[in-house]
């Protein structure tokens, strides 16, 4: 047993010596050569292309002046009256909303939000062209803000343009709920797309 232990010890010692010699030779061969100083020169870049931004769109409200309330009481949910006080029109560059009746007067913030959301989804297929086009899309905003009864009320004469107008309203799909103070159960909109 001693003999076997002595042979094992000698064998392991020899193996460790061989491994040590091999690794020391590899370290000598792996000398790292460091390059000299490298000079870098920055070349002047080409000028940045100027991007022409689209002019900011301005919101113009063409709503009639509020009239004084009548002496007698009206029902809580009045039926919208069609244009007694003149056209109820809210405009943005390229978009104009005609509202049926005076039910939405005083809710310009809501109508602006509606126009912004629909405008985000509108992709004019003729951007950059000078052709004049106009299409009107009629739809209803329900109490919960969902858009229903979407239809092309007046076409532009170009199917591609008309479909892009319809698509922008359909893709919008849902708006914030109608304001709590708004008494009518729904709001009918005639949205004019102009190019």
N, C-alpha and C. Protein backbone atom coordinates (compact mmCIF):
# COMPACT_ATOMS: atom_id res chain seq x y z
N UNK A 1 0.81 -1.17 0.00
CA UNK A 1 0.00 0.00 0.00
C UNK A 1 0.86 1.26 0.00
N UNK A 2 1.98 1.21 0.74
CA UNK A 2 2.87 2.35 0.73
C UNK A 2 3.47 2.56 -0.63
N UNK A 3 3.76 1.50 -1.26
CA UNK A 3 4.38 1.58 -2.58
C UNK A 3 3.42 2.23 -3.58
N UNK A 4 2.20 1.86 -3.54
CA UNK A 4 1.21 2.43 -4.46
C UNK A 4 0.98 3.92 -4.17
N UNK A 5 1.02 4.27 -2.90
CA UNK A 5 0.87 5.66 -2.52
C UNK A 5 2.06 6.48 -3.00
N UNK A 6 3.25 5.94 -2.90
CA UNK A 6 4.47 6.60 -3.36
C UNK A 6 4.46 6.78 -4.87
N UNK A 7 3.99 5.77 -5.60
CA UNK A 7 3.93 5.86 -7.07
C UNK A 7 2.90 6.93 -7.47
N UNK A 8 1.75 6.98 -6.80
CA UNK A 8 0.71 7.96 -7.12
C UNK A 8 1.22 9.38 -6.85
N UNK A 9 1.91 9.55 -5.70
CA UNK A 9 2.44 10.85 -5.35
C UNK A 9 3.47 11.31 -6.36
N UNK A 10 4.38 10.44 -6.78
CA UNK A 10 5.42 10.77 -7.75
C UNK A 10 4.80 11.10 -9.10
N UNK A 11 3.82 10.35 -9.52
CA UNK A 11 3.16 10.58 -10.81
C UNK A 11 2.46 11.94 -10.84
N UNK A 12 1.75 12.27 -9.78
CA UNK A 12 1.05 13.55 -9.72
C UNK A 12 2.03 14.72 -9.68
N UNK A 13 3.12 14.55 -8.95
CA UNK A 13 4.13 15.59 -8.88
C UNK A 13 4.76 15.84 -10.24
N UNK A 14 5.02 14.77 -10.97
CA UNK A 14 5.61 14.89 -12.31
C UNK A 14 4.62 15.58 -13.25
N UNK A 15 3.37 15.23 -13.15
CA UNK A 15 2.34 15.83 -14.00
C UNK A 15 2.23 17.34 -13.73
N UNK A 16 2.26 17.75 -12.47
CA UNK A 16 2.20 19.16 -12.14
C UNK A 16 3.42 19.92 -12.67
N UNK A 17 4.60 19.31 -12.61
CA UNK A 17 5.81 19.94 -13.14
C UNK A 17 5.71 20.13 -14.66
N UNK A 18 5.20 19.15 -15.34
CA UNK A 18 5.07 19.23 -16.81
C UNK A 18 4.09 20.34 -17.18
N UNK A 19 2.96 20.43 -16.48
CA UNK A 19 1.97 21.47 -16.75
C UNK A 19 2.57 22.85 -16.48
N UNK A 20 3.33 22.99 -15.40
CA UNK A 20 3.97 24.27 -15.07
C UNK A 20 4.96 24.70 -16.13
N UNK A 21 5.75 23.77 -16.65
CA UNK A 21 6.75 24.10 -17.69
C UNK A 21 6.04 24.54 -18.97
N UNK A 22 5.00 23.84 -19.36
CA UNK A 22 4.28 24.16 -20.60
C UNK A 22 3.65 25.55 -20.51
N UNK A 23 2.99 25.85 -19.40
CA UNK A 23 2.33 27.16 -19.28
C UNK A 23 3.33 28.30 -19.21
N UNK A 24 4.50 28.09 -18.61
CA UNK A 24 5.49 29.17 -18.55
C UNK A 24 6.06 29.46 -19.94
N UNK A 25 6.21 28.45 -20.77
CA UNK A 25 6.70 28.67 -22.13
C UNK A 25 5.65 29.43 -22.96
N UNK A 26 4.36 29.10 -22.74
CA UNK A 26 3.30 29.80 -23.48
C UNK A 26 3.23 31.27 -23.08
N UNK A 27 3.49 31.58 -21.82
CA UNK A 27 3.49 32.97 -21.38
C UNK A 27 4.61 33.75 -22.05
N UNK A 28 5.75 33.12 -22.23
CA UNK A 28 6.88 33.78 -22.88
C UNK A 28 6.55 34.07 -24.35
N UNK A 29 5.81 33.15 -24.99
CA UNK A 29 5.48 33.32 -26.40
C UNK A 29 4.39 34.39 -26.59
N UNK A 30 3.59 34.63 -25.57
CA UNK A 30 2.48 35.58 -25.70
C UNK A 30 2.87 36.99 -25.27
N UNK A 31 3.90 37.49 -25.74
CA UNK A 31 4.27 38.86 -25.41
C UNK A 31 3.35 39.79 -26.19
N UNK A 32 2.80 40.74 -25.49
CA UNK A 32 1.86 41.68 -26.11
C UNK A 32 2.65 42.81 -26.74
N UNK A 33 2.43 42.96 -28.02
CA UNK A 33 3.09 44.06 -28.71
C UNK A 33 2.12 45.24 -28.72
N UNK A 34 2.56 46.35 -28.21
CA UNK A 34 1.72 47.55 -28.15
C UNK A 34 2.08 48.44 -29.33
N UNK A 35 1.05 48.87 -30.07
CA UNK A 35 1.34 49.73 -31.21
C UNK A 35 1.75 51.12 -30.73
N UNK A 36 2.38 51.85 -31.60
CA UNK A 36 2.78 53.21 -31.28
C UNK A 36 1.56 54.12 -31.23
N UNK A 37 1.77 55.38 -31.11
CA UNK A 37 0.68 56.35 -31.02
C UNK A 37 0.03 56.50 -32.39
N UNK A 38 -1.29 56.45 -32.40
CA UNK A 38 -2.05 56.61 -33.64
C UNK A 38 -2.70 57.98 -33.59
N UNK A 39 -2.51 58.77 -34.63
CA UNK A 39 -3.11 60.10 -34.71
C UNK A 39 -4.40 60.01 -35.51
N UNK A 40 -5.45 60.58 -34.94
CA UNK A 40 -6.76 60.57 -35.59
C UNK A 40 -7.14 62.01 -35.89
N UNK A 41 -7.64 62.23 -37.10
CA UNK A 41 -8.07 63.57 -37.49
C UNK A 41 -9.54 63.51 -37.87
N UNK A 42 -10.33 64.42 -37.33
CA UNK A 42 -11.76 64.46 -37.63
C UNK A 42 -11.96 65.29 -38.89
N UNK A 43 -12.61 64.68 -39.86
CA UNK A 43 -12.89 65.37 -41.12
C UNK A 43 -14.15 66.21 -40.98
N UNK A 44 -14.19 67.35 -41.66
CA UNK A 44 -15.42 68.15 -41.58
C UNK A 44 -16.57 67.40 -42.22
N UNK A 45 -17.72 67.39 -41.53
CA UNK A 45 -18.90 66.67 -42.03
C UNK A 45 -19.66 67.49 -43.05
N UNK A 46 -20.55 66.81 -43.74
CA UNK A 46 -21.39 67.52 -44.70
C UNK A 46 -22.48 68.26 -43.92
N UNK A 47 -22.95 69.38 -44.43
CA UNK A 47 -23.97 70.14 -43.70
C UNK A 47 -25.26 69.33 -43.58
N UNK A 48 -25.94 69.53 -42.46
CA UNK A 48 -27.20 68.82 -42.24
C UNK A 48 -28.25 69.32 -43.22
N UNK A 49 -29.05 68.40 -43.78
CA UNK A 49 -30.10 68.86 -44.69
C UNK A 49 -31.16 69.61 -43.90
N UNK A 50 -31.66 70.67 -44.49
CA UNK A 50 -32.68 71.46 -43.82
C UNK A 50 -34.05 70.83 -44.07
N UNK A 51 -34.73 70.55 -43.00
CA UNK A 51 -36.04 69.93 -43.09
C UNK A 51 -37.08 71.04 -42.97
N UNK A 52 -37.92 71.11 -43.97
CA UNK A 52 -38.97 72.13 -43.93
C UNK A 52 -40.15 71.57 -43.15
N UNK A 53 -40.42 72.20 -42.02
CA UNK A 53 -41.53 71.71 -41.21
C UNK A 53 -42.83 72.31 -41.72
N UNK A 54 -43.87 71.55 -41.50
CA UNK A 54 -45.20 71.97 -41.92
C UNK A 54 -45.63 73.12 -41.02
N UNK A 55 -46.24 74.16 -41.55
CA UNK A 55 -46.66 75.28 -40.70
C UNK A 55 -47.67 74.81 -39.66
N UNK A 56 -47.60 75.42 -38.50
CA UNK A 56 -48.52 75.04 -37.43
C UNK A 56 -49.95 75.33 -37.86
N UNK A 57 -50.82 74.40 -37.51
CA UNK A 57 -52.21 74.55 -37.90
C UNK A 57 -52.94 75.38 -36.85
N UNK A 58 -53.79 76.21 -37.31
CA UNK A 58 -54.51 77.12 -36.43
C UNK A 58 -55.98 76.71 -36.37
N UNK A 59 -56.52 76.75 -35.19
CA UNK A 59 -57.91 76.37 -34.98
C UNK A 59 -58.76 77.63 -35.02
N UNK A 60 -59.76 77.61 -35.87
CA UNK A 60 -60.65 78.75 -36.01
C UNK A 60 -62.06 78.28 -35.71
N UNK A 61 -62.69 78.92 -34.78
CA UNK A 61 -64.06 78.54 -34.43
C UNK A 61 -65.02 79.55 -35.05
N UNK A 62 -65.99 79.05 -35.79
CA UNK A 62 -66.99 79.91 -36.40
C UNK A 62 -68.35 79.54 -35.82
N UNK A 63 -68.46 79.65 -34.53
CA UNK A 63 -69.70 79.30 -33.86
C UNK A 63 -70.49 80.57 -33.58
N UNK A 64 -71.81 80.49 -33.60
CA UNK A 64 -72.61 81.68 -33.34
C UNK A 64 -72.49 82.11 -31.88
N UNK A 65 -72.78 83.39 -31.63
CA UNK A 65 -72.74 83.91 -30.27
C UNK A 65 -73.88 83.27 -29.48
N UNK A 66 -73.63 82.98 -28.19
CA UNK A 66 -74.70 82.37 -27.39
C UNK A 66 -75.88 83.33 -27.24
N UNK A 67 -77.05 82.76 -27.28
CA UNK A 67 -78.26 83.56 -27.13
C UNK A 67 -78.76 83.42 -25.70
N UNK A 68 -79.51 84.39 -25.22
CA UNK A 68 -80.02 84.32 -23.86
C UNK A 68 -81.04 83.18 -23.76
N UNK A 69 -81.12 82.59 -22.59
CA UNK A 69 -82.02 81.47 -22.37
C UNK A 69 -83.47 81.95 -22.37
N UNK A 70 -84.37 81.15 -22.94
CA UNK A 70 -85.78 81.54 -22.92
C UNK A 70 -86.34 81.44 -21.51
N UNK A 71 -87.42 82.17 -21.27
CA UNK A 71 -88.02 82.22 -19.94
C UNK A 71 -88.61 80.88 -19.54
N UNK A 72 -89.23 80.16 -20.47
CA UNK A 72 -89.85 78.89 -20.10
C UNK A 72 -88.81 77.76 -20.11
N UNK A 73 -89.07 76.77 -19.32
CA UNK A 73 -88.18 75.65 -19.14
C UNK A 73 -88.24 74.69 -20.33
N UNK A 74 -87.05 74.16 -20.71
CA UNK A 74 -87.00 73.19 -21.81
C UNK A 74 -86.75 71.80 -21.24
N UNK A 75 -87.08 70.74 -21.98
CA UNK A 75 -86.83 69.39 -21.48
C UNK A 75 -85.33 69.16 -21.28
N UNK A 76 -84.99 68.19 -20.40
CA UNK A 76 -83.60 67.91 -20.06
C UNK A 76 -82.78 67.45 -21.25
N UNK A 77 -83.36 66.68 -22.15
CA UNK A 77 -82.64 66.18 -23.32
C UNK A 77 -83.27 66.75 -24.59
N UNK A 78 -82.95 68.00 -24.94
CA UNK A 78 -83.57 68.57 -26.12
C UNK A 78 -83.06 67.91 -27.39
N UNK A 79 -83.92 67.81 -28.35
CA UNK A 79 -83.55 67.27 -29.66
C UNK A 79 -82.74 68.35 -30.39
N UNK A 80 -81.61 68.03 -31.00
CA UNK A 80 -80.83 69.06 -31.68
C UNK A 80 -81.65 69.74 -32.75
N UNK A 81 -81.53 71.06 -32.80
CA UNK A 81 -82.22 71.84 -33.82
C UNK A 81 -81.26 72.06 -34.96
N UNK A 82 -81.76 72.01 -36.16
CA UNK A 82 -80.85 72.11 -37.30
C UNK A 82 -80.65 73.55 -37.72
N UNK A 83 -79.53 74.11 -37.28
CA UNK A 83 -79.02 75.38 -37.76
C UNK A 83 -79.92 76.59 -37.65
N UNK A 84 -80.73 76.76 -36.59
CA UNK A 84 -81.54 77.96 -36.45
C UNK A 84 -80.65 79.19 -36.29
N UNK A 85 -79.59 79.03 -35.54
CA UNK A 85 -78.72 80.16 -35.21
C UNK A 85 -77.58 80.31 -36.20
N UNK A 86 -77.66 79.73 -37.35
CA UNK A 86 -76.56 79.79 -38.32
C UNK A 86 -75.75 78.52 -38.26
N UNK A 87 -74.73 78.41 -39.11
CA UNK A 87 -73.96 77.18 -39.13
C UNK A 87 -73.10 77.04 -37.89
N UNK A 88 -73.12 75.86 -37.28
CA UNK A 88 -72.25 75.55 -36.15
C UNK A 88 -71.03 74.88 -36.74
N UNK A 89 -69.97 75.64 -36.90
CA UNK A 89 -68.82 75.15 -37.65
C UNK A 89 -67.55 75.35 -36.85
N UNK A 90 -66.74 74.31 -36.75
CA UNK A 90 -65.44 74.37 -36.10
C UNK A 90 -64.42 73.96 -37.14
N UNK A 91 -63.39 74.78 -37.36
CA UNK A 91 -62.45 74.50 -38.44
C UNK A 91 -61.03 74.37 -37.93
N UNK A 92 -60.28 73.52 -38.63
CA UNK A 92 -58.82 73.40 -38.53
C UNK A 92 -58.34 73.38 -39.96
N UNK A 93 -57.06 73.60 -40.16
CA UNK A 93 -56.53 73.54 -41.53
C UNK A 93 -56.77 72.15 -42.09
N UNK A 94 -57.53 72.05 -43.15
CA UNK A 94 -57.81 70.77 -43.79
C UNK A 94 -59.03 70.05 -43.26
N UNK A 95 -59.53 70.43 -42.08
CA UNK A 95 -60.68 69.76 -41.48
C UNK A 95 -61.67 70.80 -40.98
N UNK A 96 -62.94 70.51 -41.14
CA UNK A 96 -63.97 71.38 -40.59
C UNK A 96 -65.12 70.53 -40.11
N UNK A 97 -65.61 70.80 -38.90
CA UNK A 97 -66.71 70.02 -38.35
C UNK A 97 -67.95 70.88 -38.27
N UNK A 98 -69.03 70.39 -38.87
CA UNK A 98 -70.33 71.05 -38.77
C UNK A 98 -71.15 70.21 -37.81
N UNK A 99 -71.68 70.85 -36.79
CA UNK A 99 -72.41 70.14 -35.76
C UNK A 99 -73.89 70.40 -35.95
N UNK A 100 -74.69 69.36 -35.85
CA UNK A 100 -76.13 69.53 -36.00
C UNK A 100 -76.71 70.16 -34.75
N UNK A 101 -77.43 71.25 -34.92
CA UNK A 101 -78.08 71.93 -33.81
C UNK A 101 -77.09 72.68 -32.95
N UNK A 102 -77.59 73.28 -31.89
CA UNK A 102 -76.75 74.07 -30.99
C UNK A 102 -76.37 73.28 -29.76
N UNK A 103 -76.58 71.97 -29.78
CA UNK A 103 -76.35 71.14 -28.60
C UNK A 103 -74.90 71.13 -28.16
N UNK A 104 -73.95 71.30 -29.07
CA UNK A 104 -72.53 71.20 -28.72
C UNK A 104 -71.89 72.54 -28.43
N UNK A 105 -72.66 73.62 -28.47
CA UNK A 105 -72.08 74.93 -28.19
C UNK A 105 -71.48 74.95 -26.79
N UNK A 106 -70.31 75.53 -26.65
CA UNK A 106 -69.65 75.59 -25.35
C UNK A 106 -68.77 74.40 -25.07
N UNK A 107 -68.67 73.46 -25.99
CA UNK A 107 -67.84 72.27 -25.79
C UNK A 107 -66.72 72.23 -26.82
N UNK A 108 -66.15 73.39 -27.12
CA UNK A 108 -65.08 73.46 -28.13
C UNK A 108 -63.89 72.59 -27.76
N UNK A 109 -63.58 72.48 -26.45
CA UNK A 109 -62.45 71.65 -26.05
C UNK A 109 -62.66 70.20 -26.48
N UNK A 110 -63.89 69.72 -26.39
CA UNK A 110 -64.18 68.35 -26.80
C UNK A 110 -64.08 68.21 -28.32
N UNK A 111 -64.62 69.19 -29.03
CA UNK A 111 -64.59 69.15 -30.50
C UNK A 111 -63.16 69.27 -31.01
N UNK A 112 -62.33 70.08 -30.34
CA UNK A 112 -60.92 70.18 -30.73
C UNK A 112 -60.22 68.84 -30.55
N UNK A 113 -60.48 68.18 -29.44
CA UNK A 113 -59.90 66.86 -29.19
C UNK A 113 -60.32 65.88 -30.28
N UNK A 114 -61.60 65.92 -30.66
CA UNK A 114 -62.11 65.05 -31.72
C UNK A 114 -61.35 65.31 -33.02
N UNK A 115 -61.22 66.59 -33.40
CA UNK A 115 -60.53 66.93 -34.65
C UNK A 115 -59.06 66.49 -34.62
N UNK A 116 -58.39 66.68 -33.48
CA UNK A 116 -56.98 66.28 -33.37
C UNK A 116 -56.82 64.78 -33.55
N UNK A 117 -57.67 64.01 -32.89
CA UNK A 117 -57.55 62.55 -32.99
C UNK A 117 -57.82 62.05 -34.40
N UNK A 118 -58.83 62.60 -35.05
CA UNK A 118 -59.14 62.17 -36.41
C UNK A 118 -58.03 62.61 -37.36
N UNK A 119 -57.52 63.81 -37.14
CA UNK A 119 -56.44 64.33 -38.00
C UNK A 119 -55.19 63.46 -37.89
N UNK A 120 -54.89 62.94 -36.69
CA UNK A 120 -53.74 62.05 -36.50
C UNK A 120 -53.85 60.80 -37.37
N UNK A 121 -55.07 60.35 -37.61
CA UNK A 121 -55.29 59.13 -38.38
C UNK A 121 -55.52 59.39 -39.87
N UNK A 122 -55.55 60.64 -40.27
CA UNK A 122 -55.82 60.97 -41.67
C UNK A 122 -54.52 60.99 -42.45
N UNK A 123 -54.46 60.17 -43.48
CA UNK A 123 -53.31 60.13 -44.38
C UNK A 123 -53.79 60.55 -45.75
N UNK A 124 -53.53 61.79 -46.08
CA UNK A 124 -53.96 62.34 -47.36
C UNK A 124 -53.17 61.66 -48.48
N UNK A 125 -53.85 60.93 -49.38
CA UNK A 125 -53.13 60.22 -50.45
C UNK A 125 -52.53 61.16 -51.49
N UNK A 126 -52.92 62.41 -51.47
CA UNK A 126 -52.43 63.36 -52.48
C UNK A 126 -51.58 64.46 -51.86
N UNK A 127 -50.87 64.15 -50.78
CA UNK A 127 -50.00 65.14 -50.14
C UNK A 127 -48.99 65.65 -51.15
N UNK A 128 -48.85 66.94 -51.22
CA UNK A 128 -47.88 67.55 -52.14
C UNK A 128 -48.47 67.93 -53.48
N UNK A 129 -49.62 67.43 -53.80
CA UNK A 129 -50.27 67.79 -55.07
C UNK A 129 -51.16 69.01 -54.85
N UNK A 130 -51.39 69.72 -55.92
CA UNK A 130 -52.16 70.96 -55.80
C UNK A 130 -53.65 70.80 -56.09
N UNK A 131 -54.09 69.61 -56.38
CA UNK A 131 -55.50 69.39 -56.71
C UNK A 131 -56.37 69.75 -55.51
N UNK A 132 -57.47 70.43 -55.76
CA UNK A 132 -58.42 70.81 -54.70
C UNK A 132 -59.47 69.72 -54.58
N UNK A 133 -59.65 69.22 -53.36
CA UNK A 133 -60.64 68.18 -53.13
C UNK A 133 -61.36 68.46 -51.82
N UNK A 134 -62.59 67.99 -51.75
CA UNK A 134 -63.39 68.17 -50.55
C UNK A 134 -64.35 66.99 -50.43
N UNK A 135 -64.35 66.37 -49.26
CA UNK A 135 -65.27 65.27 -48.98
C UNK A 135 -65.86 65.49 -47.60
N UNK A 136 -67.10 65.05 -47.41
CA UNK A 136 -67.76 65.20 -46.12
C UNK A 136 -68.14 63.82 -45.60
N UNK A 137 -67.73 63.54 -44.36
CA UNK A 137 -68.05 62.28 -43.70
C UNK A 137 -68.99 62.60 -42.54
N UNK A 138 -70.11 61.90 -42.48
CA UNK A 138 -71.07 62.08 -41.39
C UNK A 138 -70.91 60.91 -40.43
N UNK A 139 -70.93 61.21 -39.12
CA UNK A 139 -70.88 60.15 -38.12
C UNK A 139 -71.53 60.65 -36.84
N UNK A 140 -71.77 59.71 -35.93
CA UNK A 140 -72.42 60.01 -34.66
C UNK A 140 -71.48 59.62 -33.53
N UNK A 141 -71.35 60.51 -32.54
CA UNK A 141 -70.59 60.19 -31.33
C UNK A 141 -71.60 59.83 -30.26
N UNK A 142 -71.53 58.60 -29.79
CA UNK A 142 -72.46 58.13 -28.75
C UNK A 142 -72.01 58.67 -27.39
N UNK A 143 -72.85 58.53 -26.40
CA UNK A 143 -72.58 59.03 -25.05
C UNK A 143 -71.24 58.52 -24.50
N UNK A 144 -70.90 57.25 -24.76
CA UNK A 144 -69.66 56.65 -24.25
C UNK A 144 -68.44 57.00 -25.10
N UNK A 145 -68.62 57.79 -26.16
CA UNK A 145 -67.51 58.21 -27.00
C UNK A 145 -67.29 57.35 -28.24
N UNK A 146 -68.03 56.27 -28.37
CA UNK A 146 -67.84 55.42 -29.55
C UNK A 146 -68.42 56.11 -30.78
N UNK A 147 -67.75 55.90 -31.90
CA UNK A 147 -68.16 56.51 -33.17
C UNK A 147 -68.99 55.49 -33.94
N UNK A 148 -70.21 55.89 -34.33
CA UNK A 148 -71.10 54.98 -35.06
C UNK A 148 -71.66 55.68 -36.29
N UNK A 149 -72.36 54.92 -37.10
CA UNK A 149 -73.06 55.42 -38.29
C UNK A 149 -72.16 56.24 -39.21
N UNK A 150 -70.95 55.75 -39.44
CA UNK A 150 -69.99 56.46 -40.30
C UNK A 150 -70.37 56.24 -41.76
N UNK A 151 -70.52 57.34 -42.49
CA UNK A 151 -70.82 57.20 -43.92
C UNK A 151 -70.31 58.43 -44.67
N UNK A 152 -70.04 58.22 -45.95
CA UNK A 152 -69.60 59.31 -46.81
C UNK A 152 -70.84 60.10 -47.21
N UNK A 153 -70.91 61.34 -46.77
CA UNK A 153 -72.08 62.16 -47.06
C UNK A 153 -71.95 62.85 -48.41
N UNK A 154 -70.75 63.35 -48.70
CA UNK A 154 -70.52 63.99 -50.00
C UNK A 154 -69.11 63.62 -50.44
N UNK A 155 -69.02 62.96 -51.59
CA UNK A 155 -67.73 62.52 -52.10
C UNK A 155 -66.98 63.62 -52.82
N UNK A 156 -65.68 63.40 -52.99
CA UNK A 156 -64.83 64.37 -53.67
C UNK A 156 -64.76 64.10 -55.17
N UNK A 157 -65.20 62.92 -55.58
CA UNK A 157 -65.07 62.52 -56.98
C UNK A 157 -63.88 61.60 -57.18
N UNK A 158 -63.06 61.42 -56.14
CA UNK A 158 -61.91 60.52 -56.21
C UNK A 158 -62.06 59.47 -55.11
N UNK A 159 -62.19 58.21 -55.51
CA UNK A 159 -62.46 57.14 -54.55
C UNK A 159 -61.34 56.99 -53.52
N UNK A 160 -60.09 57.17 -53.94
CA UNK A 160 -58.95 57.02 -53.03
C UNK A 160 -59.01 58.08 -51.92
N UNK A 161 -59.29 59.30 -52.31
CA UNK A 161 -59.39 60.40 -51.34
C UNK A 161 -60.56 60.16 -50.39
N UNK A 162 -61.71 59.77 -50.94
CA UNK A 162 -62.89 59.52 -50.12
C UNK A 162 -62.63 58.41 -49.11
N UNK A 163 -61.97 57.35 -49.55
CA UNK A 163 -61.69 56.23 -48.64
C UNK A 163 -60.72 56.63 -47.54
N UNK A 164 -59.75 57.50 -47.86
CA UNK A 164 -58.82 57.94 -46.82
C UNK A 164 -59.55 58.76 -45.76
N UNK A 165 -60.54 59.53 -46.17
CA UNK A 165 -61.33 60.33 -45.22
C UNK A 165 -62.17 59.42 -44.33
N UNK A 166 -62.85 58.46 -44.94
CA UNK A 166 -63.65 57.49 -44.17
C UNK A 166 -62.77 56.70 -43.20
N UNK A 167 -61.63 56.27 -43.70
CA UNK A 167 -60.71 55.46 -42.90
C UNK A 167 -60.25 56.21 -41.65
N UNK A 168 -59.97 57.50 -41.79
CA UNK A 168 -59.48 58.26 -40.63
C UNK A 168 -60.50 58.27 -39.49
N UNK A 169 -61.78 58.34 -39.83
CA UNK A 169 -62.83 58.33 -38.80
C UNK A 169 -62.99 56.91 -38.24
N UNK A 170 -62.98 55.91 -39.12
CA UNK A 170 -63.15 54.52 -38.67
C UNK A 170 -61.99 54.06 -37.80
N UNK A 171 -60.77 54.45 -38.16
CA UNK A 171 -59.60 54.04 -37.37
C UNK A 171 -59.62 54.71 -36.00
N UNK A 172 -60.11 55.94 -35.94
CA UNK A 172 -60.20 56.63 -34.65
C UNK A 172 -61.10 55.83 -33.71
N UNK A 173 -62.22 55.32 -34.22
CA UNK A 173 -63.04 54.37 -33.49
C UNK A 173 -63.72 54.86 -32.24
N UNK A 174 -62.97 55.39 -31.28
CA UNK A 174 -63.55 55.80 -30.01
C UNK A 174 -62.89 57.09 -29.55
N UNK A 175 -63.71 57.98 -29.04
CA UNK A 175 -63.27 59.26 -28.49
C UNK A 175 -63.57 59.24 -26.99
N UNK A 176 -63.10 60.25 -26.26
CA UNK A 176 -63.50 60.32 -24.85
C UNK A 176 -65.02 60.42 -24.75
N UNK A 177 -65.61 59.97 -23.66
CA UNK A 177 -67.06 60.08 -23.50
C UNK A 177 -67.50 61.54 -23.62
N UNK A 178 -68.74 61.73 -24.07
CA UNK A 178 -69.27 63.09 -24.17
C UNK A 178 -69.25 63.73 -22.77
N UNK A 179 -69.02 65.04 -22.68
CA UNK A 179 -68.98 65.69 -21.37
C UNK A 179 -70.27 65.45 -20.59
N UNK A 180 -70.16 65.35 -19.28
CA UNK A 180 -71.32 65.07 -18.43
C UNK A 180 -72.38 66.16 -18.55
N UNK A 181 -71.92 67.40 -18.76
CA UNK A 181 -72.85 68.53 -18.86
C UNK A 181 -73.60 68.53 -20.19
N UNK A 182 -73.10 67.79 -21.15
CA UNK A 182 -73.73 67.71 -22.47
C UNK A 182 -74.98 66.87 -22.32
N UNK A 183 -76.14 67.45 -22.58
CA UNK A 183 -77.40 66.78 -22.24
C UNK A 183 -77.94 65.85 -23.31
N UNK A 184 -77.58 66.07 -24.56
CA UNK A 184 -78.11 65.23 -25.64
C UNK A 184 -77.51 63.82 -25.54
N UNK A 185 -78.25 62.79 -25.95
CA UNK A 185 -77.75 61.42 -25.85
C UNK A 185 -76.63 61.11 -26.85
N UNK A 186 -76.52 61.87 -27.93
CA UNK A 186 -75.51 61.62 -28.95
C UNK A 186 -75.25 62.92 -29.70
N UNK A 187 -74.15 62.94 -30.43
CA UNK A 187 -73.77 64.14 -31.17
C UNK A 187 -73.51 63.76 -32.62
N UNK A 188 -74.22 64.41 -33.53
CA UNK A 188 -74.08 64.11 -34.96
C UNK A 188 -73.11 65.13 -35.57
N UNK A 189 -72.09 64.63 -36.26
CA UNK A 189 -71.03 65.47 -36.83
C UNK A 189 -70.99 65.28 -38.34
N UNK A 190 -70.80 66.37 -39.05
CA UNK A 190 -70.54 66.36 -40.49
C UNK A 190 -69.12 66.90 -40.64
N UNK A 191 -68.17 66.02 -40.91
CA UNK A 191 -66.75 66.41 -40.95
C UNK A 191 -66.30 66.61 -42.38
N UNK A 192 -65.84 67.81 -42.69
CA UNK A 192 -65.39 68.15 -44.05
C UNK A 192 -63.88 68.04 -44.12
N UNK A 193 -63.40 67.26 -45.07
CA UNK A 193 -61.97 67.12 -45.33
C UNK A 193 -61.68 67.94 -46.58
N UNK A 194 -60.77 68.90 -46.46
CA UNK A 194 -60.42 69.74 -47.61
C UNK A 194 -58.94 69.64 -47.89
N UNK A 195 -58.63 69.68 -49.17
CA UNK A 195 -57.23 69.67 -49.60
C UNK A 195 -57.02 70.85 -50.50
